[in-house]
N, C-alpha and C. Protein backbone atom coordinates (compact mmCIF):
# COMPACT_ATOMS: atom_id res chain seq x y z
N MET A 1 -73.40 163.56 28.96
CA MET A 1 -73.72 162.48 29.75
C MET A 1 -74.55 162.80 31.06
N THR A 2 -74.30 164.04 31.43
CA THR A 2 -75.17 164.47 32.54
C THR A 2 -76.68 164.68 32.26
N ALA A 3 -76.82 165.19 31.02
CA ALA A 3 -78.31 165.44 30.54
C ALA A 3 -78.97 163.98 30.40
N LEU A 4 -78.24 163.12 29.96
CA LEU A 4 -78.79 161.69 29.90
C LEU A 4 -79.20 161.18 31.05
N ARG A 5 -78.31 161.33 32.27
CA ARG A 5 -78.47 160.88 33.58
C ARG A 5 -79.82 161.70 34.24
N ARG A 6 -79.94 162.90 33.88
CA ARG A 6 -81.02 163.78 34.40
C ARG A 6 -82.26 163.11 33.88
N VAL A 7 -82.46 162.64 32.69
CA VAL A 7 -83.65 162.07 32.07
C VAL A 7 -83.73 160.69 32.58
N ALA A 8 -82.64 159.88 32.52
CA ALA A 8 -82.81 158.52 32.76
C ALA A 8 -82.98 158.17 34.19
N LEU A 9 -82.50 158.87 35.12
CA LEU A 9 -82.63 158.52 36.66
C LEU A 9 -84.10 158.65 37.00
N PRO A 10 -84.93 159.71 36.73
CA PRO A 10 -86.21 159.79 37.19
C PRO A 10 -87.02 158.71 36.36
N PHE A 11 -86.78 158.45 35.21
CA PHE A 11 -87.37 157.26 34.48
C PHE A 11 -87.14 155.89 35.04
N LEU A 12 -85.90 155.64 35.45
CA LEU A 12 -85.46 154.44 36.07
C LEU A 12 -86.25 154.33 37.48
N ALA A 13 -86.38 155.42 38.23
CA ALA A 13 -87.09 155.59 39.42
C ALA A 13 -88.48 155.23 39.29
N LEU A 14 -89.04 155.83 38.32
CA LEU A 14 -90.49 155.51 38.02
C LEU A 14 -90.78 154.03 37.69
N LEU A 15 -89.92 153.49 36.87
CA LEU A 15 -89.98 152.10 36.34
C LEU A 15 -89.87 151.13 37.67
N LEU A 16 -89.00 151.56 38.49
CA LEU A 16 -88.82 150.62 39.81
C LEU A 16 -90.14 150.72 40.68
N LEU A 17 -90.44 151.98 40.76
CA LEU A 17 -91.84 152.15 41.65
C LEU A 17 -92.92 151.37 41.04
N ALA A 18 -93.17 151.43 39.67
CA ALA A 18 -94.29 150.57 39.05
C ALA A 18 -93.99 149.31 39.30
N SER A 19 -93.03 148.63 39.15
CA SER A 19 -92.74 147.19 39.35
C SER A 19 -93.02 146.85 40.70
N ALA A 20 -92.54 147.81 41.73
CA ALA A 20 -92.81 147.47 43.08
C ALA A 20 -94.30 147.53 43.46
N TRP A 21 -95.02 148.44 42.86
CA TRP A 21 -96.51 148.44 43.09
C TRP A 21 -97.22 147.23 42.43
N ALA A 22 -96.76 146.66 41.37
CA ALA A 22 -97.22 145.65 40.71
C ALA A 22 -97.11 144.48 41.48
N GLU A 23 -95.84 144.26 42.22
CA GLU A 23 -95.63 143.12 43.00
C GLU A 23 -96.40 143.15 44.40
N ARG A 24 -96.69 144.26 44.83
CA ARG A 24 -97.50 144.57 45.94
C ARG A 24 -98.77 144.13 46.03
N ARG A 25 -99.41 144.28 44.89
CA ARG A 25 -100.93 143.75 44.58
C ARG A 25 -100.98 142.45 44.09
N ARG A 26 -101.39 141.53 44.69
CA ARG A 26 -101.30 140.16 44.47
C ARG A 26 -102.72 139.78 43.82
N ASP A 27 -102.68 138.59 43.32
CA ASP A 27 -104.04 138.14 42.54
C ASP A 27 -104.73 137.57 43.74
N PRO A 28 -105.93 137.92 43.72
CA PRO A 28 -106.79 137.42 44.98
C PRO A 28 -107.24 135.99 44.81
N LEU A 29 -106.97 135.45 43.64
CA LEU A 29 -107.42 134.01 43.35
C LEU A 29 -106.14 133.17 43.67
N THR A 30 -106.47 131.93 44.09
CA THR A 30 -105.32 130.98 44.42
C THR A 30 -105.19 130.32 42.91
N GLN A 31 -104.05 129.54 42.87
CA GLN A 31 -103.73 128.79 41.70
C GLN A 31 -104.75 127.77 41.48
N LEU A 32 -105.31 126.98 42.43
CA LEU A 32 -106.50 126.14 42.12
C LEU A 32 -107.62 126.81 41.49
N GLU A 33 -108.05 127.94 42.16
CA GLU A 33 -109.17 128.77 41.60
C GLU A 33 -109.07 129.15 40.11
N ILE A 34 -107.62 129.46 39.84
CA ILE A 34 -107.36 129.94 38.47
C ILE A 34 -107.51 128.68 37.51
N ASP A 35 -106.96 127.57 37.83
CA ASP A 35 -107.09 126.32 37.30
C ASP A 35 -108.47 125.95 36.91
N GLN A 36 -109.45 126.07 37.95
CA GLN A 36 -110.81 125.78 37.88
C GLN A 36 -111.53 126.67 36.83
N LEU A 37 -111.21 128.02 36.97
CA LEU A 37 -111.65 128.99 35.92
C LEU A 37 -111.26 128.69 34.50
N ARG A 38 -110.02 128.26 34.34
CA ARG A 38 -109.40 127.91 33.05
C ARG A 38 -110.17 126.89 32.45
N ASP A 39 -110.55 125.92 33.28
CA ASP A 39 -111.20 124.70 32.79
C ASP A 39 -112.66 125.09 32.41
N THR A 40 -113.18 126.09 32.81
CA THR A 40 -114.60 126.27 32.51
C THR A 40 -114.63 127.71 31.54
N ALA A 41 -113.62 127.86 30.89
CA ALA A 41 -113.57 129.04 30.12
C ALA A 41 -114.60 129.19 29.03
N GLN A 42 -115.13 128.05 28.45
CA GLN A 42 -116.12 128.08 27.49
C GLN A 42 -117.54 127.50 27.96
N GLU A 43 -117.62 127.35 29.31
CA GLU A 43 -118.84 126.91 30.03
C GLU A 43 -119.43 128.20 30.87
N PRO A 44 -120.23 129.10 30.25
CA PRO A 44 -120.60 130.23 31.01
C PRO A 44 -121.18 129.99 32.23
N ASP A 45 -122.27 128.99 32.51
CA ASP A 45 -122.73 128.78 33.70
C ASP A 45 -121.93 128.27 34.73
N GLU A 46 -121.02 127.34 34.55
CA GLU A 46 -120.00 126.86 35.36
C GLU A 46 -119.15 127.79 35.84
N ARG A 47 -118.65 128.76 34.89
CA ARG A 47 -117.58 129.83 35.27
C ARG A 47 -118.31 130.80 36.10
N LEU A 48 -119.52 131.17 35.89
CA LEU A 48 -120.09 132.20 36.65
C LEU A 48 -120.42 131.61 38.14
N LYS A 49 -120.75 130.45 38.08
CA LYS A 49 -121.06 129.72 39.61
C LYS A 49 -119.65 129.70 40.23
N LEU A 50 -118.61 129.58 39.68
CA LEU A 50 -117.24 129.55 40.33
C LEU A 50 -116.89 130.96 40.86
N PHE A 51 -117.30 132.09 39.97
CA PHE A 51 -117.07 133.34 40.54
C PHE A 51 -117.77 133.60 41.78
N VAL A 52 -119.03 133.24 41.71
CA VAL A 52 -119.93 133.48 42.94
C VAL A 52 -119.48 132.84 44.03
N LYS A 53 -119.03 131.59 43.91
CA LYS A 53 -118.36 130.90 45.09
C LYS A 53 -117.08 131.53 45.62
N PHE A 54 -116.39 132.01 44.70
CA PHE A 54 -115.03 132.73 45.14
C PHE A 54 -115.31 134.08 45.83
N ALA A 55 -116.25 134.70 45.29
CA ALA A 55 -116.66 135.96 45.96
C ALA A 55 -117.32 135.78 47.38
N ARG A 56 -118.07 134.85 47.31
CA ARG A 56 -118.64 134.44 48.71
C ARG A 56 -117.52 134.06 49.66
N ALA A 57 -116.54 133.30 49.27
CA ALA A 57 -115.58 132.86 50.04
C ALA A 57 -114.67 134.01 50.55
N ARG A 58 -114.50 135.09 49.76
CA ARG A 58 -113.86 136.24 50.16
C ARG A 58 -114.61 137.06 51.25
N LEU A 59 -115.87 137.12 51.04
CA LEU A 59 -116.69 137.73 52.21
C LEU A 59 -116.65 136.89 53.38
N ASP A 60 -116.69 135.61 53.32
CA ASP A 60 -116.67 134.82 54.56
C ASP A 60 -115.26 135.02 55.24
N SER A 61 -114.30 135.10 54.42
CA SER A 61 -112.86 135.28 54.97
C SER A 61 -112.91 136.59 55.77
N LEU A 62 -113.47 137.64 55.05
CA LEU A 62 -113.51 139.11 55.64
C LEU A 62 -114.24 138.99 57.04
N GLN A 63 -115.24 138.29 57.04
CA GLN A 63 -116.06 138.17 58.38
C GLN A 63 -115.28 137.28 59.48
N LYS A 64 -114.52 136.38 59.02
CA LYS A 64 -113.80 135.60 59.98
C LYS A 64 -112.37 136.35 60.50
N ALA A 65 -111.94 137.21 59.55
CA ALA A 65 -110.88 137.98 60.08
C ALA A 65 -111.18 139.05 60.99
N ARG A 66 -112.31 139.50 60.88
CA ARG A 66 -112.85 140.62 61.82
C ARG A 66 -113.24 140.13 63.16
N THR A 67 -113.45 138.66 63.28
CA THR A 67 -113.62 138.14 64.57
C THR A 67 -112.58 137.24 65.17
N ASP A 68 -111.69 137.04 64.42
CA ASP A 68 -110.58 136.06 64.83
C ASP A 68 -109.63 136.71 65.84
N PRO A 69 -109.45 136.18 67.02
CA PRO A 69 -108.71 136.80 68.07
C PRO A 69 -107.18 136.94 67.52
N GLU A 70 -106.74 136.00 66.71
CA GLU A 70 -105.39 135.82 66.27
C GLU A 70 -105.01 136.90 65.23
N VAL A 71 -105.90 137.56 64.69
CA VAL A 71 -105.63 138.65 63.65
C VAL A 71 -105.13 139.73 64.37
N LYS A 72 -103.96 140.34 64.05
CA LYS A 72 -103.30 141.39 64.78
C LYS A 72 -103.73 142.72 64.32
N ASP A 73 -103.96 143.01 62.95
CA ASP A 73 -104.28 144.32 62.48
C ASP A 73 -105.65 144.01 61.67
N ARG A 74 -106.80 144.16 62.54
CA ARG A 74 -108.08 143.84 61.81
C ARG A 74 -108.46 144.95 60.77
N THR A 75 -107.97 146.17 60.94
CA THR A 75 -108.23 147.18 59.89
C THR A 75 -107.59 146.85 58.51
N GLN A 76 -106.20 146.39 58.59
CA GLN A 76 -105.48 146.00 57.48
C GLN A 76 -106.16 144.78 56.96
N ALA A 77 -106.48 143.76 57.78
CA ALA A 77 -107.19 142.51 57.13
C ALA A 77 -108.58 142.88 56.48
N THR A 78 -109.25 143.78 57.11
CA THR A 78 -110.55 144.15 56.59
C THR A 78 -110.23 144.67 55.08
N ARG A 79 -109.28 145.58 54.99
CA ARG A 79 -109.05 146.26 53.84
C ARG A 79 -108.57 145.46 52.72
N ASP A 80 -107.69 144.52 53.03
CA ASP A 80 -107.17 143.56 52.29
C ASP A 80 -108.33 142.68 51.61
N ARG A 81 -109.10 142.11 52.57
CA ARG A 81 -110.08 141.09 52.19
C ARG A 81 -111.32 141.86 51.41
N LEU A 82 -111.41 143.21 51.72
CA LEU A 82 -112.50 143.96 50.81
C LEU A 82 -111.98 144.01 49.39
N GLN A 83 -110.75 144.27 49.27
CA GLN A 83 -110.04 144.61 48.07
C GLN A 83 -110.20 143.24 47.24
N ASP A 84 -109.73 142.19 47.99
CA ASP A 84 -109.95 140.82 47.37
C ASP A 84 -111.32 140.52 46.74
N PHE A 85 -112.30 140.83 47.57
CA PHE A 85 -113.67 140.54 47.33
C PHE A 85 -113.97 141.44 45.97
N LEU A 86 -113.57 142.75 46.06
CA LEU A 86 -113.95 143.62 44.89
C LEU A 86 -113.19 143.09 43.58
N ASP A 87 -112.06 142.80 43.70
CA ASP A 87 -111.38 142.14 42.59
C ASP A 87 -112.07 140.99 41.98
N VAL A 88 -112.36 139.99 42.81
CA VAL A 88 -113.22 138.84 42.30
C VAL A 88 -114.47 139.37 41.68
N TYR A 89 -115.06 140.15 42.47
CA TYR A 89 -116.41 140.55 42.10
C TYR A 89 -116.54 141.27 40.68
N ASP A 90 -115.36 142.21 40.55
CA ASP A 90 -115.21 142.71 39.19
C ASP A 90 -115.03 141.80 38.26
N GLU A 91 -114.31 140.80 38.43
CA GLU A 91 -113.98 139.74 37.42
C GLU A 91 -115.40 139.06 36.96
N LEU A 92 -116.16 138.73 38.08
CA LEU A 92 -117.42 138.08 37.87
C LEU A 92 -118.32 139.00 36.86
N ASP A 93 -118.34 140.17 37.20
CA ASP A 93 -119.07 141.27 36.46
C ASP A 93 -118.64 141.34 34.95
N GLU A 94 -117.32 141.37 34.86
CA GLU A 94 -116.81 141.29 33.39
C GLU A 94 -117.04 140.22 32.77
N ASN A 95 -117.13 138.98 33.44
CA ASN A 95 -117.52 137.62 32.62
C ASN A 95 -118.93 137.82 32.30
N VAL A 96 -119.75 138.25 33.20
CA VAL A 96 -121.36 138.43 32.86
C VAL A 96 -121.34 139.24 31.53
N ASP A 97 -120.72 140.39 31.54
CA ASP A 97 -120.79 141.28 30.39
C ASP A 97 -120.21 140.49 29.08
N THR A 98 -119.12 139.76 29.14
CA THR A 98 -118.66 139.08 28.06
C THR A 98 -119.40 138.15 27.55
N PHE A 99 -120.12 137.27 28.45
CA PHE A 99 -121.10 136.33 27.96
C PHE A 99 -122.34 136.84 27.44
N ALA A 100 -122.80 137.91 27.94
CA ALA A 100 -123.95 138.68 27.38
C ALA A 100 -123.70 139.26 26.01
N ASP A 101 -122.50 139.76 25.82
CA ASP A 101 -122.07 140.44 24.55
C ASP A 101 -122.09 139.30 23.41
N ARG A 102 -121.63 138.18 23.94
CA ARG A 102 -121.75 136.93 23.06
C ARG A 102 -123.13 136.28 22.85
N LYS A 103 -123.97 136.91 23.52
CA LYS A 103 -125.40 136.40 23.51
C LYS A 103 -125.60 135.18 23.93
N ASP A 104 -124.76 134.67 24.88
CA ASP A 104 -124.95 133.33 25.52
C ASP A 104 -126.23 133.28 26.46
N ASP A 105 -126.88 132.33 26.62
CA ASP A 105 -127.88 132.27 27.49
C ASP A 105 -127.40 132.08 28.90
N ILE A 106 -127.38 133.04 29.68
CA ILE A 106 -126.83 132.92 31.00
C ILE A 106 -128.02 133.13 32.13
N ARG A 107 -129.24 133.07 31.70
CA ARG A 107 -130.29 133.26 32.63
C ARG A 107 -130.20 132.50 33.85
N LYS A 108 -129.89 131.11 33.75
CA LYS A 108 -129.79 130.31 35.07
C LYS A 108 -128.63 130.97 35.95
N SER A 109 -127.66 131.33 35.50
CA SER A 109 -126.63 131.86 36.23
C SER A 109 -126.91 133.18 36.88
N LEU A 110 -127.56 134.04 35.97
CA LEU A 110 -127.96 135.15 36.47
C LEU A 110 -128.84 135.19 37.65
N LYS A 111 -129.66 134.27 37.60
CA LYS A 111 -130.57 134.10 38.81
C LYS A 111 -129.75 133.87 40.12
N LEU A 112 -128.72 132.95 39.91
CA LEU A 112 -127.83 132.59 41.04
C LEU A 112 -127.11 133.87 41.34
N ILE A 113 -126.73 134.67 40.38
CA ILE A 113 -125.82 135.93 40.56
C ILE A 113 -126.67 136.93 41.50
N ILE A 114 -128.10 137.06 41.05
CA ILE A 114 -128.77 138.04 41.62
C ILE A 114 -128.93 137.62 43.21
N GLU A 115 -129.13 136.42 43.36
CA GLU A 115 -129.48 135.98 44.70
C GLU A 115 -128.13 136.28 45.52
N ALA A 116 -126.90 135.97 44.91
CA ALA A 116 -125.75 136.37 45.66
C ALA A 116 -125.49 137.86 45.67
N ASP A 117 -125.98 138.65 44.86
CA ASP A 117 -125.74 140.06 45.00
C ASP A 117 -126.54 140.56 46.22
N THR A 118 -127.72 140.03 46.39
CA THR A 118 -128.62 140.47 47.52
C THR A 118 -127.82 140.07 48.89
N GLU A 119 -127.30 138.88 48.97
CA GLU A 119 -126.44 138.43 49.91
C GLU A 119 -125.27 139.31 50.24
N PHE A 120 -124.51 139.50 49.19
CA PHE A 120 -123.35 140.30 49.35
C PHE A 120 -123.71 141.74 49.82
N GLN A 121 -124.87 142.38 49.31
CA GLN A 121 -125.26 143.71 49.83
C GLN A 121 -125.67 143.66 51.16
N ALA A 122 -126.27 142.77 51.67
CA ALA A 122 -126.63 142.47 53.11
C ALA A 122 -125.48 142.40 53.94
N LYS A 123 -124.31 141.59 53.63
CA LYS A 123 -123.27 141.32 54.42
C LYS A 123 -122.37 142.72 54.41
N LEU A 124 -122.30 143.23 53.28
CA LEU A 124 -121.57 144.69 53.18
C LEU A 124 -122.27 145.69 54.01
N ARG A 125 -123.57 145.86 53.86
CA ARG A 125 -124.16 146.78 54.79
C ARG A 125 -123.96 146.46 56.19
N ALA A 126 -124.14 145.24 56.70
CA ALA A 126 -123.88 144.90 57.99
C ALA A 126 -122.47 145.22 58.61
N LEU A 127 -121.54 144.99 57.49
CA LEU A 127 -120.06 145.51 57.91
C LEU A 127 -120.07 147.00 58.27
N LYS A 128 -120.64 147.71 57.24
CA LYS A 128 -120.63 149.15 57.37
C LYS A 128 -121.44 149.65 58.68
N ASP A 129 -122.36 148.94 59.21
CA ASP A 129 -123.05 149.20 60.33
C ASP A 129 -122.48 148.79 61.50
N SER A 130 -121.52 147.81 61.60
CA SER A 130 -120.94 147.27 62.70
C SER A 130 -119.32 147.45 62.86
N ALA A 131 -118.97 148.69 62.26
CA ALA A 131 -117.64 148.81 62.42
C ALA A 131 -117.27 149.08 63.89
N ASP A 132 -116.10 148.44 64.29
CA ASP A 132 -115.59 148.38 65.78
C ASP A 132 -115.58 149.82 66.34
N THR A 133 -114.85 150.69 65.64
CA THR A 133 -114.67 152.10 66.12
C THR A 133 -114.82 153.07 64.94
N GLN A 134 -114.96 154.14 65.31
CA GLN A 134 -114.82 155.34 64.13
C GLN A 134 -113.50 155.21 63.49
N LYS A 135 -112.43 154.92 64.13
CA LYS A 135 -111.02 154.85 63.47
C LYS A 135 -111.00 153.68 62.67
N ASP A 136 -111.61 152.70 62.91
CA ASP A 136 -111.72 151.38 62.25
C ASP A 136 -112.30 151.73 60.86
N ILE A 137 -113.44 152.30 60.88
CA ILE A 137 -114.16 152.48 59.56
C ILE A 137 -113.55 153.51 58.71
N LYS A 138 -112.91 154.52 59.45
CA LYS A 138 -112.28 155.53 58.54
C LYS A 138 -111.10 154.91 57.86
N GLU A 139 -110.55 153.88 58.29
CA GLU A 139 -109.32 153.41 57.59
C GLU A 139 -109.80 152.60 56.30
N TYR A 140 -111.04 152.28 56.03
CA TYR A 140 -111.44 151.62 54.88
C TYR A 140 -112.64 151.94 54.48
N ASP A 141 -113.32 153.10 54.80
CA ASP A 141 -114.79 153.60 54.51
C ASP A 141 -114.77 153.82 52.95
N LEU A 142 -113.73 154.45 52.42
CA LEU A 142 -113.85 154.71 50.98
C LEU A 142 -113.83 153.40 50.16
N LEU A 143 -112.90 152.63 50.50
CA LEU A 143 -113.03 151.29 49.77
C LEU A 143 -114.29 150.52 50.08
N LEU A 144 -114.88 150.64 51.12
CA LEU A 144 -116.20 149.87 51.51
C LEU A 144 -117.28 150.53 50.68
N ALA A 145 -117.30 151.94 50.62
CA ALA A 145 -118.25 152.67 49.69
C ALA A 145 -118.08 152.32 48.30
N ASP A 146 -116.80 152.12 47.83
CA ASP A 146 -116.67 151.63 46.45
C ASP A 146 -117.13 150.22 46.10
N VAL A 147 -117.02 149.30 47.12
CA VAL A 147 -117.42 147.95 47.00
C VAL A 147 -119.05 147.92 47.01
N LEU A 148 -119.61 148.72 47.90
CA LEU A 148 -121.09 148.84 47.90
C LEU A 148 -121.48 149.32 46.70
N GLU A 149 -120.95 150.28 46.10
CA GLU A 149 -121.43 150.89 44.93
C GLU A 149 -121.29 149.88 43.65
N ALA A 150 -120.20 149.17 43.68
CA ALA A 150 -119.92 148.19 42.56
C ALA A 150 -121.06 147.09 42.72
N VAL A 151 -121.27 146.59 43.89
CA VAL A 151 -122.37 145.57 43.99
C VAL A 151 -123.61 146.05 43.61
N ASP A 152 -124.02 147.26 44.13
CA ASP A 152 -125.28 147.92 43.92
C ASP A 152 -125.54 148.14 42.41
N THR A 153 -124.55 148.70 41.69
CA THR A 153 -124.77 148.86 40.27
C THR A 153 -124.80 147.62 39.55
N ALA A 154 -123.94 146.64 39.86
CA ALA A 154 -123.89 145.40 39.26
C ALA A 154 -125.32 144.65 39.36
N ALA A 155 -125.72 144.65 40.69
CA ALA A 155 -126.96 144.05 40.96
C ALA A 155 -128.14 144.57 40.01
N HIS A 156 -128.11 145.79 39.88
CA HIS A 156 -129.16 146.55 39.10
C HIS A 156 -128.92 146.03 37.65
N ASP A 157 -127.68 146.09 37.09
CA ASP A 157 -127.53 145.63 35.72
C ASP A 157 -127.78 144.06 35.56
N HIS A 158 -127.50 143.28 36.66
CA HIS A 158 -127.96 141.76 36.51
C HIS A 158 -129.38 141.54 36.25
N ARG A 159 -130.14 142.43 37.06
CA ARG A 159 -131.63 142.30 36.95
C ARG A 159 -132.13 142.76 35.64
N GLU A 160 -131.65 143.68 35.16
CA GLU A 160 -131.92 144.27 33.85
C GLU A 160 -131.58 143.27 32.78
N LEU A 161 -130.34 142.65 32.84
CA LEU A 161 -129.82 141.70 31.87
C LEU A 161 -130.62 140.39 31.89
N VAL A 162 -131.16 139.97 33.07
CA VAL A 162 -131.82 138.66 33.07
C VAL A 162 -133.35 138.87 32.45
N ALA A 163 -133.87 140.33 32.57
CA ALA A 163 -135.04 140.68 31.92
C ALA A 163 -134.95 140.60 30.39
N GLU A 164 -133.79 141.16 29.91
CA GLU A 164 -133.55 141.26 28.62
C GLU A 164 -133.23 139.86 28.04
N GLN A 165 -132.59 138.89 28.63
CA GLN A 165 -132.46 137.68 28.16
C GLN A 165 -133.73 136.91 28.25
N GLU A 166 -134.60 137.11 29.13
CA GLU A 166 -135.85 136.42 29.07
C GLU A 166 -136.67 136.78 27.75
N GLU A 167 -136.64 138.08 27.60
CA GLU A 167 -137.31 138.69 26.28
C GLU A 167 -136.64 138.05 25.09
N ALA A 168 -135.14 138.14 25.00
CA ALA A 168 -134.68 137.55 23.86
C ALA A 168 -134.79 135.93 23.65
N ALA A 169 -134.97 135.23 24.75
CA ALA A 169 -135.27 133.93 24.63
C ALA A 169 -136.75 133.57 24.06
N LYS A 170 -137.56 134.73 24.33
CA LYS A 170 -138.92 134.50 23.71
C LYS A 170 -138.89 134.49 22.20
N HIS A 171 -137.91 135.32 21.74
CA HIS A 171 -137.60 135.56 20.35
C HIS A 171 -136.46 134.73 19.79
N LYS A 172 -135.96 133.84 20.56
CA LYS A 172 -134.71 132.90 20.26
C LYS A 172 -133.59 133.75 19.68
N LYS A 173 -133.24 134.63 20.39
CA LYS A 173 -132.03 135.41 20.03
C LYS A 173 -130.76 135.12 20.79
N LEU A 174 -130.89 133.99 21.65
CA LEU A 174 -129.83 133.68 22.54
C LEU A 174 -129.06 132.36 22.08
N VAL A 175 -127.86 132.25 22.43
CA VAL A 175 -127.08 130.92 22.16
C VAL A 175 -127.19 130.17 23.37
N LYS A 176 -127.67 128.82 23.20
CA LYS A 176 -127.60 128.00 24.47
C LYS A 176 -126.21 127.54 24.51
N PRO A 177 -125.58 127.56 25.79
CA PRO A 177 -124.31 127.01 25.98
C PRO A 177 -124.31 125.59 25.92
N ASP A 178 -123.18 124.97 25.41
CA ASP A 178 -122.84 123.67 25.25
C ASP A 178 -122.96 122.84 26.55
């Protein structure tokens, strides 16, 4: 029985830690946003517009938290909101990939996304440049670097994809959304 305990106890501890970690990371989307996305699951343009709207709202929330005098821990608020933005932006990018793989014509949405990418890059770089203190930026600099890299890479990919879709449209290889 002791051998079983030696094996089972570490496994049980690992299981509890994993479930605690899963509970700790919340979904950055509200239930209303999730419902809106569910309603647009088959409408690429509408769904992508929603993701841009939600990502923009996360960045706006980040900027407000950094200037709100009632926010007690700006560093933690910044880190949380950066992570929320990254989570939403990653979902946006995954949806772009899904619709592109399905050969959906998302040129209209891509143009909106590319404009948003430029806006997001500017806001994130301004955040990097305006960190309150060296300690402040050290608390979230790796996350900010990850977010900037994700947006920069995706922006490049989005520009390439719109060019590919323009070319495919010339040869009518895209499926128009309903």
